Each structure stands twice: as C-alpha cells, then as structure tokens.
C-alpha cells in the first residue's frame, strides 16, 4: 500500500491564511464592540436615583387540604 503524497507547504500556507483571516475577524469584532459600547455610553442619560429593581412574585402555593373528621 502506498502512502498518499502530502503537500506540506500547501497545508502550512492554508493554515497561515486561515489564522490571518481569523485574526482579522477578531479585530473587526473587537472594534465593533468598542464602537457600540461608546455609542451606548453616550446615549445613556446619567441617572442619579436609579429605579428600584423589580421583584418577582412569590411562588404560587397550593391551598392546604381540609381535614374532615368523620364520627
């Protein structure tokens, strides 16, 4: 059985290109996040007294069973 020829240079080149593409996407994502964060901070009004946090309703409880005594 013969081994398949492997073009190592081609694989290494593809790896380098993939890493460059991933790094470019990461940089673009970080830049977008920073830009959106800056916009959000500019849009927010400074709040002196923040609204109180909403509370959840208490869990629903089953009514107690009635005990009926039979004589």
Protein backbone atom coordinates (compact mmCIF):
# COMPACT_ATOMS: atom_id res chain seq x y z
CA UNK A 1 0.00 0.00 0.00
CA UNK A 2 1.45 3.38 -0.98
CA UNK A 3 1.13 6.47 1.11
CA UNK A 4 -0.65 9.46 -0.28
CA UNK A 5 1.60 12.41 -1.07
CA UNK A 6 1.11 15.29 1.32
CA UNK A 7 1.89 18.81 0.17
CA UNK A 8 3.11 20.20 3.48
CA UNK A 9 3.81 23.64 2.06
CA UNK A 10 0.26 23.94 0.83
CA UNK A 11 -1.12 22.87 4.21
CA UNK A 12 1.13 25.32 6.05
CA UNK A 13 0.15 28.13 3.67
CA UNK A 14 -3.53 27.36 4.19
CA UNK A 15 -3.02 27.36 7.97
CA UNK A 16 -1.31 30.75 7.83
CA UNK A 17 -4.08 32.21 5.67
CA UNK A 18 -6.76 30.80 7.96
CA UNK A 19 -5.06 32.25 11.03
CA UNK A 20 -4.79 35.65 9.33
CA UNK A 21 -8.49 35.56 8.43
CA UNK A 22 -9.49 34.57 11.97
CA UNK A 23 -7.32 37.32 13.46
CA UNK A 24 -8.83 39.91 11.09
CA UNK A 25 -12.36 38.81 12.05
CA UNK A 26 -11.46 39.02 15.74
CA UNK A 27 -10.04 42.53 15.34
CA UNK A 28 -13.17 43.64 13.45
CA UNK A 29 -15.42 42.17 16.14
CA UNK A 30 -13.49 43.89 18.93
CA UNK A 31 -13.59 47.23 17.07
CA UNK A 32 -17.35 46.90 16.55
CA UNK A 33 -17.89 46.08 20.22
CA UNK A 34 -15.88 49.12 21.32
CA UNK A 35 -17.77 51.37 18.89
CA UNK A 36 -21.16 50.12 20.08
CA UNK A 37 -20.14 50.44 23.72
CA UNK A 38 -19.08 54.06 23.16
CA UNK A 39 -22.40 54.82 21.41
CA UNK A 40 -24.36 53.25 24.23
CA UNK A 41 -22.48 55.20 26.88
CA UNK A 42 -23.07 58.46 25.00
CA UNK A 43 -26.79 57.70 24.60
CA UNK A 44 -27.38 56.85 28.27
CA UNK A 45 -28.59 59.64 30.48
CA UNK A 46 -26.82 59.89 33.82
CA UNK A 47 -29.24 58.63 36.46
CA UNK A 48 -28.99 59.99 40.00
CA UNK A 49 -31.62 57.73 41.54
CA UNK A 50 -31.95 54.51 39.58
CA UNK A 51 -35.37 52.88 39.51
CA UNK A 52 -35.83 50.16 42.11
CA UNK A 53 -35.29 46.65 40.86
CA UNK A 54 -38.45 44.77 40.01
CA UNK A 55 -39.22 41.94 42.35
CA UNK A 56 -40.53 38.59 41.34
CA UNK A 57 -43.91 37.47 42.53
CA UNK A 58 -43.92 34.94 45.33
CA UNK A 59 -44.22 31.35 44.20
CA UNK A 60 -47.79 30.03 43.97
CA UNK A 61 -48.64 27.82 46.90
CA UNK A 62 -51.17 25.04 46.92
CA UNK A 63 -54.00 25.62 49.36
CA UNK A 64 -53.86 23.44 52.48
CA UNK A 65 -56.05 20.35 52.42
CA UNK A 66 -59.06 20.43 54.67
CA UNK A 67 -59.25 17.74 57.27
CA UNK A 68 -62.74 16.34 57.66
CA UNK A 69 -63.32 14.21 60.74
CA UNK A 70 -65.96 11.54 60.39
CA UNK A 71 -67.60 10.12 63.50
